[in-house]
Amino acid sequence: MTSTNLKQVDYLKPWIIFFALSFVATTIAGAIVGGIAGALLAVVGGGRLISIVAGLLGFLVSLPISYFCFRFAVSKFLVPKISSTTESTVEPLKAAA
């Protein structure tokens, strides 16, 4: 088994980028979806349900956004480092004698 020589900084940079992108994107999307849901429920007369429905919809919208932000951060900053270290340390299989 080959080992990669990744340091904590190599993991920290993608995590910070994921966290920042995810936080901003889910905050904006949650505010938009929650605002629309709140407005619709206010018109219908479901004033007590606004916080529950808006919170649930905001959470559901944040799941795919978080996934795509995570996928971007890992594929952009972590996978190239892992693949470059494994390519240089992999030895070809030797034929049995």
PDB file of N, CA and C in Angstrom:
ATOM      1  N   MET A   1       0.841  -1.178   0.000  1.00  0.00           N
ATOM      2  CA  MET A   1       0.000   0.000   0.000  1.00  0.00           C
ATOM      3  C   MET A   1       0.887   1.242   0.000  1.00  0.00           C
ATOM      4  N   THR A   2       0.573   2.171  -0.856  1.00  0.00           N
ATOM      5  CA  THR A   2       1.360   3.385  -0.918  1.00  0.00           C
ATOM      6  C   THR A   2       0.799   4.422   0.046  1.00  0.00           C
ATOM      7  N   SER A   3       1.677   5.244   0.550  1.00  0.00           N
ATOM      8  CA  SER A   3       1.228   6.297   1.453  1.00  0.00           C
ATOM      9  C   SER A   3       1.445   7.640   0.779  1.00  0.00           C
ATOM     10  N   THR A   4       0.526   8.535   1.017  1.00  0.00           N
ATOM     11  CA  THR A   4       0.673   9.874   0.466  1.00  0.00           C
ATOM     12  C   THR A   4       1.332  10.759   1.508  1.00  0.00           C
ATOM     13  N   ASN A   5       2.059  11.710   1.047  1.00  0.00           N
ATOM     14  CA  ASN A   5       2.764  12.624   1.943  1.00  0.00           C
ATOM     15  C   ASN A   5       2.004  13.936   2.091  1.00  0.00           C
ATOM     16  N   LEU A   6       0.731  13.839   2.386  1.00  0.00           N
ATOM     17  CA  LEU A   6      -0.071  15.044   2.563  1.00  0.00           C
ATOM     18  C   LEU A   6       0.076  15.564   3.982  1.00  0.00           C
ATOM     19  N   LYS A   7       0.125  16.870   4.084  1.00  0.00           N
ATOM     20  CA  LYS A   7       0.221  17.516   5.390  1.00  0.00           C
ATOM     21  C   LYS A   7      -1.148  18.058   5.772  1.00  0.00           C
ATOM     22  N   GLN A   8      -1.260  18.533   6.998  1.00  0.00           N
ATOM     23  CA  GLN A   8      -2.531  19.090   7.466  1.00  0.00           C
ATOM     24  C   GLN A   8      -2.961  20.281   6.620  1.00  0.00           C
ATOM     25  N   VAL A   9      -2.017  21.071   6.145  1.00  0.00           N
ATOM     26  CA  VAL A   9      -2.343  22.234   5.325  1.00  0.00           C
ATOM     27  C   VAL A   9      -3.001  21.795   4.023  1.00  0.00           C
ATOM     28  N   ASP A  10      -2.585  20.641   3.503  1.00  0.00           N
ATOM     29  CA  ASP A  10      -3.172  20.132   2.273  1.00  0.00           C
ATOM     30  C   ASP A  10      -4.646  19.790   2.452  1.00  0.00           C
ATOM     31  N   TYR A  11      -5.056  19.412   3.639  1.00  0.00           N
ATOM     32  CA  TYR A  11      -6.457  19.140   3.932  1.00  0.00           C
ATOM     33  C   TYR A  11      -7.198  20.407   4.336  1.00  0.00           C
ATOM     34  N   LEU A  12      -6.505  21.317   4.975  1.00  0.00           N
ATOM     35  CA  LEU A  12      -7.127  22.516   5.518  1.00  0.00           C
ATOM     36  C   LEU A  12      -7.595  23.473   4.417  1.00  0.00           C
ATOM     37  N   LYS A  13      -6.793  23.652   3.391  1.00  0.00           N
ATOM     38  CA  LYS A  13      -7.145  24.577   2.312  1.00  0.00           C
ATOM     39  C   LYS A  13      -8.448  24.169   1.613  1.00  0.00           C
ATOM     40  N   PRO A  14      -8.625  22.907   1.190  1.00  0.00           N
ATOM     41  CA  PRO A  14      -9.902  22.537   0.565  1.00  0.00           C
ATOM     42  C   PRO A  14     -11.085  22.656   1.536  1.00  0.00           C
ATOM     43  N   TRP A  15     -10.846  22.376   2.799  1.00  0.00           N
ATOM     44  CA  TRP A  15     -11.934  22.467   3.766  1.00  0.00           C
ATOM     45  C   TRP A  15     -12.375  23.919   3.951  1.00  0.00           C
ATOM     46  N   ILE A  16     -11.436  24.837   4.029  1.00  0.00           N
ATOM     47  CA  ILE A  16     -11.775  26.249   4.190  1.00  0.00           C
ATOM     48  C   ILE A  16     -12.527  26.751   2.957  1.00  0.00           C
ATOM     49  N   ILE A  17     -12.068  26.368   1.786  1.00  0.00           N
ATOM     50  CA  ILE A  17     -12.743  26.781   0.557  1.00  0.00           C
ATOM     51  C   ILE A  17     -14.139  26.179   0.490  1.00  0.00           C
ATOM     52  N   PHE A  18     -14.271  24.899   0.845  1.00  0.00           N
ATOM     53  CA  PHE A  18     -15.591  24.268   0.883  1.00  0.00           C
ATOM     54  C   PHE A  18     -16.504  24.985   1.865  1.00  0.00           C
ATOM     55  N   PHE A  19     -15.999  25.263   3.059  1.00  0.00           N
ATOM     56  CA  PHE A  19     -16.814  25.901   4.086  1.00  0.00           C
ATOM     57  C   PHE A  19     -17.279  27.279   3.639  1.00  0.00           C
ATOM     58  N   ALA A  20     -16.371  28.069   3.089  1.00  0.00           N
ATOM     59  CA  ALA A  20     -16.722  29.427   2.665  1.00  0.00           C
ATOM     60  C   ALA A  20     -17.732  29.410   1.514  1.00  0.00           C
ATOM     61  N   LEU A  21     -17.470  28.599   0.491  1.00  0.00           N
ATOM     62  CA  LEU A  21     -18.401  28.507  -0.636  1.00  0.00           C
ATOM     63  C   LEU A  21     -19.763  27.996  -0.188  1.00  0.00           C
ATOM     64  N   SER A  22     -19.750  26.953   0.601  1.00  0.00           N
ATOM     65  CA  SER A  22     -20.992  26.349   1.065  1.00  0.00           C
ATOM     66  C   SER A  22     -21.783  27.318   1.933  1.00  0.00           C
ATOM     67  N   PHE A  23     -21.102  28.022   2.821  1.00  0.00           N
ATOM     68  CA  PHE A  23     -21.779  28.968   3.709  1.00  0.00           C
ATOM     69  C   PHE A  23     -22.459  30.081   2.918  1.00  0.00           C
ATOM     70  N   VAL A  24     -21.735  30.676   1.997  1.00  0.00           N
ATOM     71  CA  VAL A  24     -22.285  31.782   1.226  1.00  0.00           C
ATOM     72  C   VAL A  24     -23.432  31.306   0.332  1.00  0.00           C
ATOM     73  N   ALA A  25     -23.200  30.215  -0.394  1.00  0.00           N
ATOM     74  CA  ALA A  25     -24.213  29.729  -1.336  1.00  0.00           C
ATOM     75  C   ALA A  25     -25.481  29.259  -0.628  1.00  0.00           C
ATOM     76  N   THR A  26     -25.331  28.520   0.475  1.00  0.00           N
ATOM     77  CA  THR A  26     -26.530  28.041   1.174  1.00  0.00           C
ATOM     78  C   THR A  26     -27.252  29.171   1.891  1.00  0.00           C
ATOM     79  N   THR A  27     -26.523  30.179   2.348  1.00  0.00           N
ATOM     80  CA  THR A  27     -27.176  31.328   2.977  1.00  0.00           C
ATOM     81  C   THR A  27     -28.029  32.077   1.963  1.00  0.00           C
ATOM     82  N   ILE A  28     -27.477  32.317   0.800  1.00  0.00           N
ATOM     83  CA  ILE A  28     -28.230  33.029  -0.240  1.00  0.00           C
ATOM     84  C   ILE A  28     -29.418  32.204  -0.710  1.00  0.00           C
ATOM     85  N   ALA A  29     -29.188  30.927  -1.017  1.00  0.00           N
ATOM     86  CA  ALA A  29     -30.280  30.077  -1.495  1.00  0.00           C
ATOM     87  C   ALA A  29     -31.346  29.888  -0.417  1.00  0.00           C
ATOM     88  N   GLY A  30     -30.937  29.701   0.818  1.00  0.00           N
ATOM     89  CA  GLY A  30     -31.902  29.551   1.906  1.00  0.00           C
ATOM     90  C   GLY A  30     -32.732  30.793   2.119  1.00  0.00           C
ATOM     91  N   ALA A  31     -32.109  31.957   1.977  1.00  0.00           N
ATOM     92  CA  ALA A  31     -32.850  33.211   2.127  1.00  0.00           C
ATOM     93  C   ALA A  31     -33.868  33.390   1.010  1.00  0.00           C
ATOM     94  N   ILE A  32     -33.481  33.044  -0.202  1.00  0.00           N
ATOM     95  CA  ILE A  32     -34.400  33.174  -1.335  1.00  0.00           C
ATOM     96  C   ILE A  32     -35.566  32.207  -1.189  1.00  0.00           C
ATOM     97  N   VAL A  33     -35.261  30.926  -0.953  1.00  0.00           N
ATOM     98  CA  VAL A  33     -36.316  29.918  -0.829  1.00  0.00           C
ATOM     99  C   VAL A  33     -37.179  30.187   0.401  1.00  0.00           C
ATOM    100  N   GLY A  34     -36.557  30.541   1.505  1.00  0.00           N
ATOM    101  CA  GLY A  34     -37.316  30.847   2.711  1.00  0.00           C
ATOM    102  C   GLY A  34     -38.191  32.070   2.549  1.00  0.00           C
ATOM    103  N   GLY A  35     -37.698  33.079   1.851  1.00  0.00           N
ATOM    104  CA  GLY A  35     -38.493  34.274   1.597  1.00  0.00           C
ATOM    105  C   GLY A  35     -39.706  33.989   0.735  1.00  0.00           C
ATOM    106  N   ILE A  36     -39.499  33.184  -0.299  1.00  0.00           N
ATOM    107  CA  ILE A  36     -40.619  32.818  -1.171  1.00  0.00           C
ATOM    108  C   ILE A  36     -41.639  31.984  -0.399  1.00  0.00           C
ATOM    109  N   ALA A  37     -41.156  30.993   0.341  1.00  0.00           N
ATOM    110  CA  ALA A  37     -42.064  30.149   1.123  1.00  0.00           C
ATOM    111  C   ALA A  37     -42.793  30.969   2.182  1.00  0.00           C
ATOM    112  N   GLY A  38     -42.094  31.882   2.835  1.00  0.00           N
ATOM    113  CA  GLY A  38     -42.721  32.733   3.849  1.00  0.00           C
ATOM    114  C   GLY A  38     -43.782  33.636   3.253  1.00  0.00           C
ATOM    115  N   ALA A  39     -43.484  34.199   2.089  1.00  0.00           N
ATOM    116  CA  ALA A  39     -44.464  35.068   1.435  1.00  0.00           C
ATOM    117  C   ALA A  39     -45.707  34.287   1.024  1.00  0.00           C
ATOM    118  N   LEU A  40     -45.499  33.094   0.464  1.00  0.00           N
ATOM    119  CA  LEU A  40     -46.646  32.277   0.060  1.00  0.00           C
ATOM    120  C   LEU A  40     -47.488  31.843   1.264  1.00  0.00           C
ATOM    121  N   LEU A  41     -46.824  31.454   2.322  1.00  0.00           N
ATOM    122  CA  LEU A  41     -47.570  31.043   3.520  1.00  0.00           C
ATOM    123  C   LEU A  41     -48.263  32.221   4.193  1.00  0.00           C
ATOM    124  N   ALA A  42     -47.668  33.392   4.117  1.00  0.00           N
ATOM    125  CA  ALA A  42     -48.312  34.578   4.695  1.00  0.00           C
ATOM    126  C   ALA A  42     -49.575  34.937   3.924  1.00  0.00           C
ATOM    127  N   VAL A  43     -49.535  34.779   2.599  1.00  0.00           N
ATOM    128  CA  VAL A  43     -50.705  35.064   1.781  1.00  0.00           C
ATOM    129  C   VAL A  43     -51.809  34.057   2.071  1.00  0.00           C
ATOM    130  N   VAL A  44     -51.423  32.790   2.235  1.00  0.00           N
ATOM    131  CA  VAL A  44     -52.401  31.729   2.479  1.00  0.00           C
ATOM    132  C   VAL A  44     -52.940  31.800   3.909  1.00  0.00           C
ATOM    133  N   GLY A  45     -52.166  32.337   4.811  1.00  0.00           N
ATOM    134  CA  GLY A  45     -52.605  32.457   6.195  1.00  0.00           C
ATOM    135  C   GLY A  45     -51.963  31.445   7.126  1.00  0.00           C
ATOM    136  N   GLY A  46     -50.873  30.890   6.736  1.00  0.00           N
ATOM    137  CA  GLY A  46     -50.179  29.909   7.577  1.00  0.00           C
ATOM    138  C   GLY A  46     -49.046  30.540   8.342  1.00  0.00           C
ATOM    139  N   GLY A  47     -49.329  31.575   9.073  1.00  0.00           N
ATOM    140  CA  GLY A  47     -48.306  32.338   9.780  1.00  0.00           C
ATOM    141  C   GLY A  47     -47.481  31.525  10.754  1.00  0.00           C
ATOM    142  N   ARG A  48     -48.093  30.541  11.414  1.00  0.00           N
ATOM    143  CA  ARG A  48     -47.361  29.743  12.397  1.00  0.00           C
ATOM    144  C   ARG A  48     -46.434  28.725  11.740  1.00  0.00           C
ATOM    145  N   LEU A  49     -46.719  28.402  10.509  1.00  0.00           N
ATOM    146  CA  LEU A  49     -45.905  27.403   9.808  1.00  0.00           C
ATOM    147  C   LEU A  49     -44.701  28.003   9.085  1.00  0.00           C
ATOM    148  N   ILE A  50     -44.626  29.305   8.991  1.00  0.00           N
ATOM    149  CA  ILE A  50     -43.584  29.944   8.177  1.00  0.00           C
ATOM    150  C   ILE A  50     -42.187  29.523   8.620  1.00  0.00           C
ATOM    151  N   SER A  51     -41.901  29.586   9.899  1.00  0.00           N
ATOM    152  CA  SER A  51     -40.543  29.257  10.345  1.00  0.00           C
ATOM    153  C   SER A  51     -40.219  27.781  10.146  1.00  0.00           C
ATOM    154  N   ILE A  52     -41.193  26.905  10.331  1.00  0.00           N
ATOM    155  CA  ILE A  52     -40.943  25.466  10.158  1.00  0.00           C
ATOM    156  C   ILE A  52     -40.727  25.133   8.684  1.00  0.00           C
ATOM    157  N   VAL A  53     -41.634  25.580   7.836  1.00  0.00           N
ATOM    158  CA  VAL A  53     -41.542  25.271   6.405  1.00  0.00           C
ATOM    159  C   VAL A  53     -40.318  25.931   5.782  1.00  0.00           C
ATOM    160  N   ALA A  54     -40.079  27.188   6.118  1.00  0.00           N
ATOM    161  CA  ALA A  54     -38.926  27.884   5.554  1.00  0.00           C
ATOM    162  C   ALA A  54     -37.616  27.233   6.018  1.00  0.00           C
ATOM    163  N   GLY A  55     -37.546  26.837   7.266  1.00  0.00           N
ATOM    164  CA  GLY A  55     -36.357  26.160   7.769  1.00  0.00           C
ATOM    165  C   GLY A  55     -36.131  24.819   7.101  1.00  0.00           C
ATOM    166  N   LEU A  56     -37.196  24.054   6.923  1.00  0.00           N
ATOM    167  CA  LEU A  56     -37.095  22.741   6.272  1.00  0.00           C
ATOM    168  C   LEU A  56     -36.674  22.891   4.808  1.00  0.00           C
ATOM    169  N   LEU A  57     -37.303  23.826   4.112  1.00  0.00           N
ATOM    170  CA  LEU A  57     -36.933  24.042   2.709  1.00  0.00           C
ATOM    171  C   LEU A  57     -35.499  24.555   2.575  1.00  0.00           C
ATOM    172  N   GLY A  58     -35.091  25.422   3.479  1.00  0.00           N
ATOM    173  CA  GLY A  58     -33.711  25.912   3.458  1.00  0.00           C
ATOM    174  C   GLY A  58     -32.712  24.789   3.665  1.00  0.00           C
ATOM    175  N   PHE A  59     -33.029  23.873   4.579  1.00  0.00           N
ATOM    176  CA  PHE A  59     -32.163  22.716   4.812  1.00  0.00           C
ATOM    177  C   PHE A  59     -32.103  21.823   3.575  1.00  0.00           C
ATOM    178  N   LEU A  60     -33.242  21.554   2.965  1.00  0.00           N
ATOM    179  CA  LEU A  60     -33.273  20.691   1.782  1.00  0.00           C
ATOM    180  C   LEU A  60     -32.531  21.313   0.600  1.00  0.00           C
ATOM    181  N   VAL A  61     -32.612  22.626   0.466  1.00  0.00           N
ATOM    182  CA  VAL A  61     -31.889  23.301  -0.615  1.00  0.00           C
ATOM    183  C   VAL A  61     -30.384  23.283  -0.345  1.00  0.00           C
ATOM    184  N   SER A  62     -30.003  23.327   0.923  1.00  0.00           N
ATOM    185  CA  SER A  62     -28.580  23.372   1.255  1.00  0.00           C
ATOM    186  C   SER A  62     -27.863  22.045   1.004  1.00  0.00           C
ATOM    187  N   LEU A  63     -28.572  20.938   1.008  1.00  0.00           N
ATOM    188  CA  LEU A  63     -27.925  19.627   0.817  1.00  0.00           C
ATOM    189  C   LEU A  63     -27.220  19.504  -0.533  1.00  0.00           C
ATOM    190  N   PRO A  64     -27.900  19.716  -1.664  1.00  0.00           N
ATOM    191  CA  PRO A  64     -27.164  19.591  -2.935  1.00  0.00           C
ATOM    192  C   PRO A  64     -26.107  20.674  -3.121  1.00  0.00           C
ATOM    193  N   ILE A  65     -26.362  21.875  -2.605  1.00  0.00           N
ATOM    194  CA  ILE A  65     -25.360  22.938  -2.724  1.00  0.00           C
ATOM    195  C   ILE A  65     -24.096  22.552  -1.964  1.00  0.00           C
ATOM    196  N   SER A  66     -24.271  22.025  -0.768  1.00  0.00           N
ATOM    197  CA  SER A  66     -23.129  21.593   0.032  1.00  0.00           C
ATOM    198  C   SER A  66     -22.360  20.475  -0.671  1.00  0.00           C
ATOM    199  N   TYR A  67     -23.084  19.534  -1.268  1.00  0.00           N
ATOM    200  CA  TYR A  67     -22.434  18.431  -1.983  1.00  0.00           C
ATOM    201  C   TYR A  67     -21.582  18.941  -3.135  1.00  0.00           C
ATOM    202  N   PHE A  68     -22.129  19.848  -3.953  1.00  0.00           N
ATOM    203  CA  PHE A  68     -21.384  20.343  -5.100  1.00  0.00           C
ATOM    204  C   PHE A  68     -20.203  21.216  -4.683  1.00  0.00           C
ATOM    205  N   CYS A  69     -20.344  21.957  -3.604  1.00  0.00           N
ATOM    206  CA  CYS A  69     -19.216  22.738  -3.092  1.00  0.00           C
ATOM    207  C   CYS A  69     -18.114  21.816  -2.571  1.00  0.00           C
ATOM    208  N   PHE A  70     -18.499  20.748  -1.872  1.00  0.00           N
ATOM    209  CA  PHE A  70     -17.529  19.771  -1.377  1.00  0.00           C
ATOM    210  C   PHE A  70     -16.814  19.089  -2.537  1.00  0.00           C
ATOM    211  N   ARG A  71     -17.586  18.682  -3.528  1.00  0.00           N
ATOM    212  CA  ARG A  71     -17.020  18.005  -4.686  1.00  0.00           C
ATOM    213  C   ARG A  71     -16.038  18.919  -5.423  1.00  0.00           C
ATOM    214  N   PHE A  72     -16.391  20.194  -5.569  1.00  0.00           N
ATOM    215  CA  PHE A  72     -15.505  21.154  -6.226  1.00  0.00           C
ATOM    216  C   PHE A  72     -14.200  21.309  -5.451  1.00  0.00           C
ATOM    217  N   ALA A  73     -14.314  21.524  -4.142  1.00  0.00           N
ATOM    218  CA  ALA A  73     -13.114  21.776  -3.329  1.00  0.00           C
ATOM    219  C   ALA A  73     -12.183  20.570  -3.323  1.00  0.00           C
ATOM    220  N   VAL A  74     -12.730  19.383  -3.205  1.00  0.00           N
ATOM    221  CA  VAL A  74     -11.903  18.175  -3.165  1.00  0.00           C
ATOM    222  C   VAL A  74     -11.271  17.908  -4.525  1.00  0.00           C
ATOM    223  N   SER A  75     -12.074  17.993  -5.586  1.00  0.00           N
ATOM    224  CA  SER A  75     -11.526  17.685  -6.912  1.00  0.00           C
ATOM    225  C   SER A  75     -10.532  18.733  -7.392  1.00  0.00           C
ATOM    226  N   LYS A  76     -10.695  19.958  -6.955  1.00  0.00           N
ATOM    227  CA  LYS A  76      -9.807  21.028  -7.405  1.00  0.00           C
ATOM    228  C   LYS A  76      -8.499  21.083  -6.619  1.00  0.00           C
ATOM    229  N   PHE A  77      -8.552  20.825  -5.316  1.00  0.00           N
ATOM    230  CA  PHE A  77      -7.381  21.065  -4.479  1.00  0.00           C
ATOM    231  C   PHE A  77      -6.774  19.807  -3.851  1.00  0.00           C
ATOM    232  N   LEU A  78      -7.539  18.743  -3.679  1.00  0.00           N
ATOM    233  CA  LEU A  78      -7.011  17.571  -2.991  1.00  0.00           C
ATOM    234  C   LEU A  78      -6.667  16.426  -3.943  1.00  0.00           C
ATOM    235  N   VAL A  79      -7.540  16.141  -4.890  1.00  0.00           N
ATOM    236  CA  VAL A  79      -7.321  15.018  -5.806  1.00  0.00           C
ATOM    237  C   VAL A  79      -6.035  15.183  -6.624  1.00  0.00           C
ATOM    238  N   PRO A  80      -5.729  16.362  -7.156  1.00  0.00           N
ATOM    239  CA  PRO A  80      -4.471  16.476  -7.903  1.00  0.00           C
ATOM    240  C   PRO A  80      -3.234  16.140  -7.064  1.00  0.00           C
ATOM    241  N   LYS A  81      -3.249  16.510  -5.793  1.00  0.00           N
ATOM    242  CA  LYS A  81      -2.107  16.199  -4.938  1.00  0.00           C
ATOM    243  C   LYS A  81      -2.021  14.702  -4.653  1.00  0.00           C
ATOM    244  N   ILE A  82      -3.163  14.072  -4.457  1.00  0.00           N
ATOM    245  CA  ILE A  82      -3.166  12.632  -4.189  1.00  0.00           C
ATOM    246  C   ILE A  82      -2.754  11.869  -5.434  1.00  0.00           C
ATOM    247  N   SER A  83      -3.304  12.234  -6.577  1.00  0.00           N
ATOM    248  CA  SER A  83      -2.971  11.497  -7.803  1.00  0.00           C
ATOM    249  C   SER A  83      -1.523  11.714  -8.218  1.00  0.00           C
ATOM    250  N   SER A  84      -0.970  12.889  -7.974  1.00  0.00           N
ATOM    251  CA  SER A  84       0.428  13.118  -8.349  1.00  0.00           C
ATOM    252  C   SER A  84       1.383  12.334  -7.445  1.00  0.00           C
ATOM    253  N   THR A  85       1.033  12.154  -6.176  1.00  0.00           N
ATOM    254  CA  THR A  85       1.908  11.389  -5.290  1.00  0.00           C
ATOM    255  C   THR A  85       1.779   9.896  -5.537  1.00  0.00           C
ATOM    256  N   THR A  86       0.591   9.416  -5.887  1.00  0.00           N
ATOM    257  CA  THR A  86       0.443   7.974  -6.120  1.00  0.00           C
ATOM    258  C   THR A  86       1.044   7.575  -7.458  1.00  0.00           C
ATOM    259  N   GLU A  87       0.975   8.439  -8.470  1.00  0.00           N
ATOM    260  CA  GLU A  87       1.565   8.110  -9.767  1.00  0.00           C
ATOM    261  C   GLU A  87       3.072   7.985  -9.672  1.00  0.00           C
ATOM    262  N   SER A  88       3.698   8.787  -8.830  1.00  0.00           N
ATOM    263  CA  SER A  88       5.154   8.745  -8.755  1.00  0.00           C
ATOM    264  C   SER A  88       5.655   7.606  -7.863  1.00  0.00           C
ATOM    265  N   THR A  89       4.792   7.039  -7.021  1.00  0.00           N
ATOM    266  CA  THR A  89       5.253   5.998  -6.107  1.00  0.00           C
ATOM    267  C   THR A  89       4.782   4.594  -6.507  1.00  0.00           C
ATOM    268  N   VAL A  90       3.927   4.476  -7.508  1.00  0.00           N
ATOM    269  CA  VAL A  90       3.426   3.162  -7.918  1.00  0.00           C
ATOM    270  C   VAL A  90       4.472   2.458  -8.756  1.00  0.00           C
ATOM    271  N   GLU A  91       4.750   1.224  -8.399  1.00  0.00           N
ATOM    272  CA  GLU A  91       5.691   0.424  -9.166  1.00  0.00           C
ATOM    273  C   GLU A  91       4.919  -0.565 -10.020  1.00  0.00           C
ATOM    274  N   PRO A  92       5.378  -0.838 -11.205  1.00  0.00           N
ATOM    275  CA  PRO A  92       4.688  -1.815 -12.053  1.00  0.00           C
ATOM    276  C   PRO A  92       4.803  -3.213 -11.442  1.00  0.00           C
ATOM    277  N   LEU A  93       3.797  -4.046 -11.722  1.00  0.00           N
ATOM    278  CA  LEU A  93       3.817  -5.426 -11.214  1.00  0.00           C
ATOM    279  C   LEU A  93       4.887  -6.220 -11.933  1.00  0.00           C
ATOM    280  N   LYS A  94       5.577  -7.059 -11.173  1.00  0.00           N
ATOM    281  CA  LYS A  94       6.612  -7.916 -11.768  1.00  0.00           C
ATOM    282  C   LYS A  94       6.001  -9.279 -12.034  1.00  0.00           C
ATOM    283  N   ALA A  95       6.403  -9.887 -13.118  1.00  0.00           N
ATOM    284  CA  ALA A  95       5.883 -11.198 -13.480  1.00  0.00           C
ATOM    285  C   ALA A  95       6.407 -12.256 -12.530  1.00  0.00           C
ATOM    286  N   ALA A  96       5.592 -13.253 -12.272  1.00  0.00           N
ATOM    287  CA  ALA A  96       6.006 -14.343 -11.384  1.00  0.00           C
ATOM    288  C   ALA A  96       7.105 -15.154 -12.056  1.00  0.00           C
ATOM    289  N   ALA A  97       8.056 -15.617 -11.262  1.00  0.00           N
ATOM    290  CA  ALA A  97       9.190 -16.341 -11.835  1.00  0.00           C
ATOM    291  C   ALA A  97       8.879 -17.777 -12.086  1.00  0.00           C
TER     292      ALA A  97
END
